[in-house]
Amino acid sequence: MKKQFILSFILLCLLCQPQAILAQSKTRASVDFSYNPDPEADHFNQRLPDKSIPVGQNELVLLNRTDNSKYTVEKYSAELKKVWSVEIPLEDGETVDKFTANNEAVLVITNRKAGQNQQLYGHRINLQAEKKEQPVLLLEAPAKSRRAGVAISEDGSQVLAYRFHTDNSFQIQSISGSLFNGNLQKQQDVKYDLSDLRGILTADIQLGNGGEQYVSLISDQMNRLSVRQFKPGRKEAKVMSVLVGGVFDGLQVYIRDTRFKLMEDGLLYGAVLTADEKSGGYYSLKAVKYDFENEDMVFAEEFKFSPDYVQKINALDKSNKGNRLQDISLSELLLTPEKKLVILAEKKYTEGGENAPYFAEELHLFAYDEYMGYDWNSVLTKQQQAPAAEGFTSISYSSHLSGNTLNLLTLEELNGKYDLYLRQINTSNGSSSAPQALRLNVANDKKLAYVKDYTVWLAPKDIVTVVRAGKKPDQLQLSRIEIK
């Protein structure tokens, strides 16, 4: 009963969300920035969501596409002094699939077409030597098969390049690949036989710092969720499986969306959105924690999207005349220092058509305690729109978890003020601060004025990003912004 009261209270507060407030901010450093968009085939599933990564205490590295045949990796000090720049030339049709970095090296993984094959190449830049090493061929697969993939561990010490083997209907039968260390030295070949499952259409692979591979699969007509853990040196996989779809409350329910994350505590967490097969309407959110060492699978209490919940959510958007949730997808899983799991889902869509704009709107947040007991949920409203050519380059959100405070940065127009806004959510209870305008005087001329992918948090209120603002609104700038 207490939790239901908390939910109603939070939603009531959101219906009366306070006006945006003005924050004091200072641009500590700023340099001109030349930006060329990546050729994204799918704006909803960006291959490179983060193009700026902090390394060490006072430096960061950026990946930038300089022209159709070349990328550069650039290292900057915290004061935005360029330390060095390394070019990564690409062949015709070659694309970048992964960009990551740690204190030792930068890794860039590319997908190259070579005759009838596709090839994954690893490019490693040694940060101490400030030198690009010889590219390494990680994997080769037929070009007509599914796009090859790569997973990298959180600390960058493990790299897994893999390909899918499918039947005539493109359902996955097995996965094979090779495991490398952080120096791109091959450790072993891997193969996952999945022939005991029927109708596998998607697979997610998470890679642990010790080389553990977690393969999450949806099978049985989008009803079954299975996770398999493969360990280096161990022949047999550990398997955990559960039927998520089926008939509930007289409705045939199926898996609509999933997201997995291997967290700092070494455990895998997953979230699933289910939907009613007949109407397509959202039915519930399910969350699970996988503890393979103890062979334990812990389920959270199912959160149902009841008519009452949907009505309250739709009341936040006066333009929405419908009676159902629409265009919601899982966007992020976070684990707080208190071992609280926070799940974010966002409303993102396009109106259809070649030049139709893109929209990013409300954020749904759900929290579970360390035992996966339901804690709280809330909704944050925002109204973001961008032209088709930009997709979600400047809209959606950038997040940073600091202790029990979740910081969210967005580009919005609130009360006639077009600016970057900061929201802070207390993950202990779900309460949210009013959006704070950073008072950057962001250019509002219908041209690209903010590149979210380059946003990096040096501290909760110390941000580096690419924006057109201040005294040079005609030029994108890499800027370091301190929020008072």
Protein backbone atom coordinates (compact mmCIF):
# COMPACT_ATOMS: atom_id res chain seq x y z
CA MET A 1 0.00 0.00 0.00
CA LYS A 2 2.85 2.37 0.82
CA LYS A 3 4.51 1.81 -2.56
CA GLN A 4 1.26 2.54 -4.39
CA PHE A 5 1.03 5.85 -2.49
CA ILE A 6 4.59 6.73 -3.49
CA LEU A 7 3.80 6.03 -7.15
CA SER A 8 0.66 8.20 -7.07
CA PHE A 9 2.52 11.00 -5.29
CA ILE A 10 5.36 11.03 -7.82
CA LEU A 11 2.96 11.04 -10.76
CA LEU A 12 0.95 13.87 -9.17
CA CYS A 13 4.15 15.88 -8.75
CA LEU A 14 5.01 15.29 -12.39
CA LEU A 15 1.60 16.49 -13.53
CA CYS A 16 2.43 19.77 -11.77
CA GLN A 17 6.10 19.74 -12.73
CA PRO A 18 7.74 23.06 -11.73
CA GLN A 19 8.93 25.60 -14.23
CA ALA A 20 12.49 25.27 -15.48
CA ILE A 21 14.98 27.26 -13.44
CA LEU A 22 18.12 29.04 -14.53
CA ALA A 23 21.49 27.64 -13.48
CA GLN A 24 24.77 29.47 -13.31
CA SER A 25 27.31 27.90 -15.65
CA LYS A 26 30.75 28.84 -16.86
CA THR A 27 32.45 27.82 -20.11
CA ARG A 28 35.98 27.08 -18.92
CA ALA A 29 37.41 26.29 -22.34
CA SER A 30 36.20 26.13 -25.92
CA VAL A 31 37.74 25.26 -29.31
CA ASP A 32 36.28 25.14 -32.82
CA PHE A 33 35.07 21.70 -33.82
CA SER A 34 34.55 20.29 -37.32
CA TYR A 35 31.82 17.65 -37.38
CA ASN A 36 30.86 15.18 -40.12
CA PRO A 37 27.90 12.89 -39.32
CA ASP A 38 28.32 9.13 -39.44
CA PRO A 39 26.37 7.37 -42.20
CA GLU A 40 23.81 5.77 -39.86
CA ALA A 41 21.47 3.28 -41.52
CA ASP A 42 19.40 2.97 -38.34
CA HIS A 43 18.99 6.07 -36.18
CA PHE A 44 17.23 4.04 -33.47
CA ASN A 45 20.19 1.69 -32.95
CA GLN A 46 23.34 3.79 -33.19
CA ARG A 47 26.54 1.80 -33.57
CA LEU A 48 28.55 4.65 -32.00
CA PRO A 49 26.47 6.24 -29.22
CA ASP A 50 29.57 7.60 -27.43
CA LYS A 51 32.37 9.35 -29.32
CA SER A 52 34.10 11.01 -26.38
CA ILE A 53 35.64 9.00 -23.53
CA PRO A 54 37.62 10.19 -20.48
CA VAL A 55 41.03 8.56 -19.97
CA GLY A 56 42.83 9.10 -16.70
CA GLN A 57 42.02 12.04 -14.47
CA ASN A 58 42.53 14.97 -16.80
CA GLU A 59 42.32 13.80 -20.41
CA LEU A 60 39.79 12.53 -22.93
CA VAL A 61 39.83 10.98 -26.40
CA LEU A 62 37.42 11.73 -29.25
CA LEU A 63 36.53 9.87 -32.42
CA ASN A 64 35.61 12.09 -35.35
CA ARG A 65 34.78 11.37 -38.97
CA THR A 66 36.83 13.85 -40.98
CA ASP A 67 35.63 12.76 -44.44
CA ASN A 68 34.21 9.72 -46.25
CA SER A 69 37.50 7.82 -46.14
CA LYS A 70 38.98 8.77 -42.80
CA TYR A 71 38.38 8.98 -39.06
CA THR A 72 40.66 10.60 -36.52
CA VAL A 73 41.21 9.79 -32.87
CA GLU A 74 42.16 12.93 -30.94
CA LYS A 75 43.41 13.27 -27.40
CA TYR A 76 42.65 16.44 -25.41
CA SER A 77 43.58 17.70 -21.99
CA ALA A 78 40.78 18.67 -19.62
CA GLU A 79 41.47 22.27 -20.66
CA LEU A 80 40.77 21.20 -24.28
CA LYS A 81 44.34 21.52 -25.48
CA LYS A 82 44.88 18.97 -28.26
CA VAL A 83 47.63 16.56 -27.25
CA TRP A 84 47.79 14.47 -30.44
CA SER A 85 45.74 13.26 -33.40
CA VAL A 86 45.91 9.87 -35.16
CA GLU A 87 44.26 9.11 -38.50
CA ILE A 88 42.42 5.85 -39.22
CA PRO A 89 41.98 5.58 -43.00
CA LEU A 90 39.03 3.54 -44.27
CA GLU A 91 38.52 1.65 -47.49
CA ASP A 92 35.49 2.27 -49.68
CA GLY A 93 32.39 1.07 -47.83
CA GLU A 94 34.24 0.42 -44.55
CA THR A 95 32.46 1.60 -41.40
CA VAL A 96 33.33 1.99 -37.72
CA ASP A 97 31.42 -0.44 -35.47
CA LYS A 98 32.95 0.17 -32.03
CA PHE A 99 34.95 2.84 -30.21
CA THR A 100 36.23 2.38 -26.67
CA ALA A 101 39.18 3.38 -24.51
CA ASN A 102 40.84 2.81 -21.15
CA ASN A 103 43.95 4.26 -19.53
CA GLU A 104 46.24 2.17 -21.75
CA ALA A 105 44.79 2.20 -25.25
CA VAL A 106 42.06 3.25 -27.64
CA LEU A 107 40.29 0.54 -29.65
CA VAL A 108 38.44 1.20 -32.90
CA ILE A 109 36.73 -1.75 -34.62
CA THR A 110 35.80 -1.44 -38.30
CA ASN A 111 33.73 -3.56 -40.70
CA ARG A 112 35.27 -3.85 -44.16
CA LYS A 113 33.92 -5.38 -47.37
CA ALA A 114 36.43 -7.66 -49.11
CA GLY A 115 34.98 -9.31 -52.20
CA GLN A 116 32.29 -11.73 -51.04
CA ASN A 117 33.31 -11.38 -47.39
CA GLN A 118 33.00 -8.94 -44.52
CA GLN A 119 35.99 -8.44 -42.25
CA LEU A 120 36.30 -7.03 -38.74
CA TYR A 121 39.54 -5.14 -38.12
CA GLY A 122 40.85 -3.95 -34.77
CA HIS A 123 42.81 -0.68 -34.65
CA ARG A 124 44.70 -0.10 -31.41
CA ILE A 125 46.31 3.16 -30.35
CA ASN A 126 48.77 2.89 -27.47
CA LEU A 127 48.16 5.90 -25.23
CA GLN A 128 51.59 5.78 -23.58
CA ALA A 129 53.50 5.54 -26.85
CA GLU A 130 50.97 7.80 -28.62
CA LYS A 131 51.23 5.43 -31.55
CA LYS A 132 48.82 3.52 -33.75
CA GLU A 133 49.66 -0.17 -34.02
CA GLN A 134 49.23 -2.41 -37.06
CA PRO A 135 45.54 -3.24 -37.68
CA VAL A 136 44.54 -6.79 -36.74
CA LEU A 137 42.07 -8.94 -38.70
CA LEU A 138 39.71 -10.19 -35.99
CA LEU A 139 37.09 -12.06 -38.02
CA GLU A 140 36.00 -12.89 -41.54
CA ALA A 141 32.48 -13.95 -42.58
CA PRO A 142 30.38 -14.07 -45.76
CA ALA A 143 29.09 -10.63 -46.73
CA LYS A 144 25.62 -12.06 -47.38
CA SER A 145 25.27 -13.35 -43.81
CA ARG A 146 24.21 -11.21 -40.85
CA ARG A 147 26.49 -8.35 -39.91
CA ALA A 148 29.34 -9.58 -37.72
CA GLY A 149 29.51 -8.22 -34.18
CA VAL A 150 32.02 -7.35 -31.49
CA ALA A 151 31.80 -7.20 -27.69
CA ILE A 152 34.38 -5.50 -25.46
CA SER A 153 34.70 -5.89 -21.69
CA GLU A 154 34.21 -2.89 -19.42
CA ASP A 155 37.95 -2.58 -18.68
CA GLY A 156 38.96 -3.12 -22.33
CA SER A 157 41.03 -6.21 -21.53
CA GLN A 158 38.84 -8.62 -23.54
CA VAL A 159 37.56 -8.39 -27.11
CA LEU A 160 35.18 -10.88 -28.72
CA ALA A 161 34.58 -10.81 -32.48
CA TYR A 162 31.71 -13.06 -33.60
CA ARG A 163 29.44 -14.01 -36.49
CA PHE A 164 26.01 -15.64 -36.78
CA HIS A 165 25.21 -18.90 -38.56
CA THR A 166 21.58 -18.93 -39.70
CA ASP A 167 19.15 -21.18 -41.55
CA ASN A 168 17.26 -20.28 -44.72
CA SER A 169 14.81 -18.14 -42.74
CA PHE A 170 17.69 -16.22 -41.06
CA GLN A 171 16.99 -17.75 -37.66
CA ILE A 172 20.18 -18.18 -35.61
CA GLN A 173 21.51 -21.74 -35.32
CA SER A 174 24.92 -21.04 -33.81
CA ILE A 175 27.47 -18.30 -33.14
CA SER A 176 31.22 -18.55 -33.66
CA GLY A 177 34.12 -16.19 -33.19
CA SER A 178 37.45 -15.47 -31.52
CA LEU A 179 38.41 -14.05 -28.14
CA PHE A 180 41.31 -11.55 -27.97
CA ASN A 181 43.03 -9.75 -25.12
CA GLY A 182 43.28 -5.97 -24.92
CA ASN A 183 46.43 -6.04 -27.07
CA LEU A 184 44.39 -7.79 -29.82
CA GLN A 185 46.31 -11.02 -29.36
CA LYS A 186 44.11 -14.04 -30.04
CA GLN A 187 43.34 -16.17 -26.98
CA GLN A 188 40.94 -18.80 -28.31
CA ASP A 189 38.21 -19.60 -30.81
CA VAL A 190 34.66 -19.90 -29.52
CA LYS A 191 31.49 -21.54 -30.82
CA TYR A 192 28.03 -21.61 -29.29
CA ASP A 193 25.71 -24.39 -30.48
CA LEU A 194 22.14 -23.13 -30.13
CA SER A 195 20.37 -25.87 -32.06
CA ASP A 196 18.34 -26.91 -28.99
CA LEU A 197 16.35 -23.65 -29.17
CA ARG A 198 13.74 -22.87 -31.81
CA GLY A 199 13.18 -19.60 -33.63
CA ILE A 200 16.09 -17.48 -32.37
CA LEU A 201 15.86 -14.11 -34.08
CA THR A 202 18.06 -11.95 -31.85
CA ALA A 203 21.10 -12.40 -29.61
CA ASP A 204 22.88 -10.07 -27.18
CA ILE A 205 26.46 -10.79 -26.04
CA GLN A 206 28.04 -9.22 -22.95
CA LEU A 207 31.73 -9.81 -22.19
CA GLY A 208 33.22 -9.89 -18.69
CA ASN A 209 36.65 -8.64 -17.63
CA GLY A 210 37.75 -12.26 -17.16
CA GLY A 211 36.63 -13.31 -20.62
CA GLU A 212 33.23 -14.65 -19.52
CA GLN A 213 30.69 -14.52 -22.33
CA TYR A 214 26.98 -14.02 -21.61
CA VAL A 215 24.76 -14.87 -24.58
CA SER A 216 21.15 -13.72 -24.16
CA LEU A 217 18.62 -15.18 -26.59
CA ILE A 218 14.94 -14.76 -27.42
CA SER A 219 13.33 -17.88 -28.88
CA ASP A 220 10.05 -19.81 -29.17
CA GLN A 221 8.13 -17.17 -31.14
CA MET A 222 9.37 -14.30 -28.93
CA ASN A 223 8.26 -16.03 -25.72
CA ARG A 224 11.36 -17.57 -24.12
CA LEU A 225 14.34 -15.73 -22.65
CA SER A 226 17.54 -17.76 -22.27
CA VAL A 227 20.98 -16.70 -21.04
CA ARG A 228 24.10 -18.85 -21.36
CA GLN A 229 27.41 -18.21 -19.67
CA PHE A 230 30.54 -19.45 -21.42
CA LYS A 231 33.85 -19.29 -19.59
CA PRO A 232 37.38 -19.59 -21.01
CA GLY A 233 38.68 -23.09 -20.33
CA ARG A 234 35.24 -24.52 -19.58
CA LYS A 235 33.57 -26.75 -22.18
CA GLU A 236 29.99 -26.69 -20.92
CA ALA A 237 27.85 -23.57 -20.69
CA LYS A 238 25.75 -22.65 -17.69
CA VAL A 239 22.16 -22.03 -18.81
CA MET A 240 19.29 -20.08 -17.28
CA SER A 241 15.99 -19.98 -19.13
CA VAL A 242 12.48 -18.75 -18.44
CA LEU A 243 9.23 -18.50 -20.38
CA VAL A 244 8.37 -14.79 -20.36
CA GLY A 245 5.57 -14.81 -22.91
CA GLY A 246 2.36 -16.83 -22.78
CA VAL A 247 -1.26 -16.36 -21.78
CA PHE A 248 -1.76 -13.90 -18.88
CA ASP A 249 -5.09 -12.39 -17.82
CA GLY A 250 -6.57 -14.02 -20.89
CA LEU A 251 -4.12 -12.22 -23.20
CA GLN A 252 -1.44 -13.76 -25.39
CA VAL A 253 1.70 -11.87 -24.37
CA TYR A 254 5.07 -11.81 -26.16
CA ILE A 255 8.51 -10.22 -25.70
CA ARG A 256 8.62 -6.82 -27.40
CA ASP A 257 11.95 -5.36 -26.24
CA THR A 258 14.94 -6.41 -24.12
CA ARG A 259 18.10 -4.87 -22.71
CA PHE A 260 20.98 -6.50 -20.82
CA LYS A 261 23.92 -5.10 -18.88
CA LEU A 262 26.85 -6.75 -17.13
CA MET A 263 27.29 -4.58 -14.05
CA GLU A 264 30.20 -3.62 -11.79
CA ASP A 265 29.20 -6.30 -9.26
CA GLY A 266 29.93 -8.98 -11.89
CA LEU A 267 26.26 -9.92 -12.30
CA LEU A 268 24.16 -9.75 -15.43
CA TYR A 269 20.90 -7.80 -15.30
CA GLY A 270 18.11 -7.87 -17.84
CA ALA A 271 14.88 -5.99 -18.52
CA VAL A 272 12.00 -7.06 -20.76
CA LEU A 273 9.01 -5.16 -22.12
CA THR A 274 6.11 -7.44 -22.98
CA ALA A 275 3.11 -6.66 -25.18
CA ASP A 276 -0.33 -8.02 -25.98
CA GLU A 277 -0.08 -9.97 -29.25
CA LYS A 278 -3.56 -9.04 -30.45
CA SER A 279 -3.53 -5.29 -29.84
CA GLY A 280 0.23 -4.65 -29.75
CA GLY A 281 -0.26 -2.64 -26.56
CA TYR A 282 2.37 -2.71 -23.81
CA TYR A 283 1.53 -5.21 -21.08
CA SER A 284 4.32 -5.16 -18.48
CA LEU A 285 7.96 -4.63 -17.51
CA LYS A 286 9.90 -7.60 -16.16
CA ALA A 287 13.41 -7.49 -14.70
CA VAL A 288 15.82 -10.25 -13.69
CA LYS A 289 19.23 -10.62 -12.06
CA TYR A 290 21.47 -13.53 -13.10
CA ASP A 291 23.94 -14.89 -10.55
CA PHE A 292 25.71 -17.69 -12.40
CA GLU A 293 28.25 -18.38 -9.67
CA ASN A 294 25.43 -19.27 -7.27
CA GLU A 295 23.20 -20.60 -10.06
CA ASP A 296 20.48 -18.20 -9.02
CA MET A 297 18.02 -16.23 -11.15
CA VAL A 298 16.20 -13.50 -9.19
CA PHE A 299 13.00 -12.04 -10.68
CA ALA A 300 11.63 -8.62 -9.86
CA GLU A 301 7.95 -8.07 -9.24
CA GLU A 302 6.25 -7.63 -12.60
CA PHE A 303 5.22 -4.01 -13.27
CA LYS A 304 1.99 -3.97 -15.27
CA PHE A 305 1.05 -1.04 -17.47
CA SER A 306 -2.48 -0.84 -16.11
CA PRO A 307 -5.18 1.40 -17.63
CA ASP A 308 -4.75 3.71 -14.62
CA TYR A 309 -1.00 4.02 -15.24
CA VAL A 310 -1.49 4.63 -18.97
CA GLN A 311 -4.13 7.28 -18.29
CA LYS A 312 -1.83 9.18 -15.92
CA ILE A 313 1.08 9.00 -18.36
CA ASN A 314 -0.99 10.22 -21.30
CA ALA A 315 -2.27 13.10 -19.17
CA LEU A 316 1.28 14.44 -19.13
CA ASP A 317 1.10 14.99 -22.90
CA LYS A 318 -1.93 17.10 -23.76
CA SER A 319 -1.46 16.40 -27.49
CA ASN A 320 -1.86 12.64 -26.97
CA LYS A 321 -5.52 11.73 -27.43
CA GLY A 322 -4.91 7.97 -27.27
CA ASN A 323 -5.47 5.57 -24.40
CA ARG A 324 -2.29 3.49 -24.68
CA LEU A 325 1.47 3.75 -24.40
CA GLN A 326 3.24 4.18 -27.71
CA ASP A 327 6.81 3.98 -29.05
CA ILE A 328 8.44 3.12 -25.71
CA SER A 329 11.77 1.28 -25.79
CA LEU A 330 14.30 0.32 -23.12
CA SER A 331 17.24 2.72 -23.18
CA GLU A 332 19.48 2.07 -20.17
CA LEU A 333 20.15 -0.09 -17.09
CA LEU A 334 22.07 1.40 -14.16
CA LEU A 335 23.25 0.01 -10.82
CA THR A 336 23.61 2.45 -7.91
CA PRO A 337 26.13 2.13 -5.04
CA GLU A 338 23.25 0.75 -2.96
CA LYS A 339 22.90 -2.07 -5.56
CA LYS A 340 19.61 -0.57 -6.69
CA LEU A 341 18.71 -1.36 -10.30
CA VAL A 342 17.35 1.63 -12.24
CA ILE A 343 15.74 0.97 -15.62
CA LEU A 344 15.11 3.76 -18.14
CA ALA A 345 12.72 3.56 -21.07
CA GLU A 346 12.17 6.38 -23.55
CA LYS A 347 9.50 7.34 -26.04
CA LYS A 348 11.27 7.74 -29.40
CA TYR A 349 9.69 7.76 -32.85
CA THR A 350 9.52 9.24 -36.32
CA GLU A 351 6.34 10.15 -38.14
CA GLY A 352 7.34 8.13 -41.18
CA GLY A 353 8.32 9.25 -44.64
CA GLU A 354 11.68 10.14 -46.13
CA ASN A 355 12.02 13.58 -44.56
CA ALA A 356 9.85 13.14 -41.48
CA PRO A 357 11.21 14.57 -38.23
CA TYR A 358 12.33 12.50 -35.23
CA PHE A 359 10.92 12.86 -31.73
CA ALA A 360 12.16 11.96 -28.22
CA GLU A 361 9.67 12.45 -25.44
CA GLU A 362 8.87 11.11 -21.97
CA LEU A 363 11.30 9.06 -19.89
CA HIS A 364 9.97 6.22 -17.73
CA LEU A 365 12.13 5.25 -14.74
CA PHE A 366 11.73 2.11 -12.62
CA ALA A 367 13.81 1.17 -9.57
CA TYR A 368 14.31 -2.12 -7.72
CA ASP A 369 16.25 -2.73 -4.51
CA GLU A 370 19.23 -5.09 -4.15
CA TYR A 371 16.82 -8.02 -3.67
CA MET A 372 14.93 -7.04 -6.86
CA GLY A 373 11.95 -5.83 -4.87
CA TYR A 374 9.95 -3.03 -6.49
CA ASP A 375 10.92 0.36 -5.04
CA TRP A 376 9.58 3.27 -7.09
CA ASN A 377 8.85 4.54 -10.57
CA SER A 378 8.46 7.99 -12.10
CA VAL A 379 8.09 9.73 -15.44
CA LEU A 380 9.93 12.80 -16.73
CA THR A 381 8.36 14.80 -19.53
CA LYS A 382 10.27 16.37 -22.40
CA GLN A 383 9.42 17.41 -25.94
CA GLN A 384 12.32 17.09 -28.38
CA GLN A 385 12.24 17.22 -32.16
CA ALA A 386 14.95 17.04 -34.82
CA PRO A 387 14.98 16.89 -38.63
CA ALA A 388 15.30 13.56 -40.43
CA ALA A 389 18.94 14.17 -41.38
CA GLU A 390 19.92 14.44 -37.70
CA GLY A 391 17.84 11.61 -36.26
CA PHE A 392 18.68 11.44 -32.55
CA THR A 393 22.06 13.16 -32.86
CA SER A 394 20.98 16.15 -30.78
CA ILE A 395 17.86 14.86 -29.02
CA SER A 396 17.18 12.09 -26.47
CA TYR A 397 19.43 12.41 -23.40
CA SER A 398 22.91 11.96 -21.93
CA SER A 399 23.20 10.42 -18.45
CA HIS A 400 25.71 10.26 -15.62
CA LEU A 401 25.27 8.39 -12.34
CA SER A 402 27.12 9.92 -9.39
CA GLY A 403 26.45 8.15 -6.12
CA ASN A 404 22.69 8.12 -5.68
CA THR A 405 22.13 11.02 -8.09
CA LEU A 406 21.26 10.39 -11.72
CA ASN A 407 22.11 13.41 -13.90
CA LEU A 408 20.31 13.82 -17.24
CA LEU A 409 21.28 16.39 -19.89
CA THR A 410 18.89 17.31 -22.71
CA LEU A 411 18.51 19.92 -25.44
CA GLU A 412 15.01 21.41 -25.21
CA GLU A 413 12.95 24.54 -25.60
CA LEU A 414 11.17 25.25 -22.31
CA ASN A 415 9.21 28.44 -21.68
CA GLY A 416 10.66 29.95 -24.85
CA LYS A 417 14.26 29.19 -23.79
CA TYR A 418 16.25 26.94 -26.15
CA ASP A 419 19.10 25.52 -24.10
CA LEU A 420 20.79 22.52 -22.54
CA TYR A 421 18.92 21.44 -19.42
CA LEU A 422 20.10 19.43 -16.44
CA ARG A 423 17.76 17.25 -14.38
CA GLN A 424 18.83 15.41 -11.23
CA ILE A 425 17.00 12.33 -9.96
CA ASN A 426 17.44 11.00 -6.43
CA THR A 427 17.66 7.24 -7.01
CA SER A 428 16.81 6.58 -3.36
CA ASN A 429 13.21 7.73 -3.82
CA GLY A 430 12.73 8.81 -7.44
CA SER A 431 12.26 12.51 -6.75
CA SER A 432 13.46 14.86 -9.49
CA SER A 433 14.72 18.43 -9.53
CA ALA A 434 13.23 20.96 -11.90
CA PRO A 435 15.16 21.17 -15.21
CA GLN A 436 17.99 23.70 -14.93
CA ALA A 437 18.82 25.75 -18.02
CA LEU A 438 22.58 26.10 -18.42
CA ARG A 439 22.14 29.57 -19.98
CA LEU A 440 24.43 28.81 -22.93
CA ASN A 441 22.45 30.79 -25.49
CA VAL A 442 22.26 27.77 -27.81
CA ALA A 443 21.71 28.71 -31.46
CA ASN A 444 18.08 28.19 -32.49
CA ASP A 445 18.22 28.52 -36.26
CA LYS A 446 17.00 25.00 -37.20
CA LYS A 447 20.57 23.87 -37.89
CA LEU A 448 22.54 21.35 -35.85
CA ALA A 449 23.43 23.08 -32.58
CA TYR A 450 24.34 20.20 -30.24
CA VAL A 451 25.99 16.81 -30.80
CA LYS A 452 24.92 14.61 -27.89
CA ASP A 453 27.35 11.78 -28.77
CA TYR A 454 30.32 13.93 -27.69
CA THR A 455 28.95 14.66 -24.23
CA VAL A 456 31.30 13.35 -21.55
CA TRP A 457 31.00 13.92 -17.79
CA LEU A 458 34.27 14.71 -16.04
CA ALA A 459 32.24 15.22 -12.84
CA PRO A 460 28.52 15.57 -12.05
CA LYS A 461 28.59 19.27 -12.94
CA ASP A 462 31.64 19.35 -15.18
CA ILE A 463 30.73 18.50 -18.77
CA VAL A 464 32.54 18.45 -22.11
CA THR A 465 30.31 18.54 -25.17
CA VAL A 466 29.92 19.90 -28.71
CA VAL A 467 27.53 22.82 -29.00
CA ARG A 468 26.87 26.06 -30.91
CA ALA A 469 26.43 28.66 -28.23
CA GLY A 470 27.71 31.78 -26.54
CA LYS A 471 29.85 34.21 -28.47
CA LYS A 472 30.28 31.98 -31.56
CA PRO A 473 26.79 30.64 -32.42
CA ASP A 474 27.85 30.20 -36.07
CA GLN A 475 30.45 27.51 -35.25
CA LEU A 476 30.23 24.17 -33.46
CA GLN A 477 32.65 24.16 -30.56
CA LEU A 478 34.07 21.55 -28.23
CA SER A 479 33.35 23.19 -24.87
CA ARG A 480 33.99 22.41 -21.22
CA ILE A 481 31.10 23.67 -19.10
CA GLU A 482 31.01 23.96 -15.32
CA ILE A 483 27.60 24.17 -13.64
CA LYS A 484 27.45 26.15 -10.42
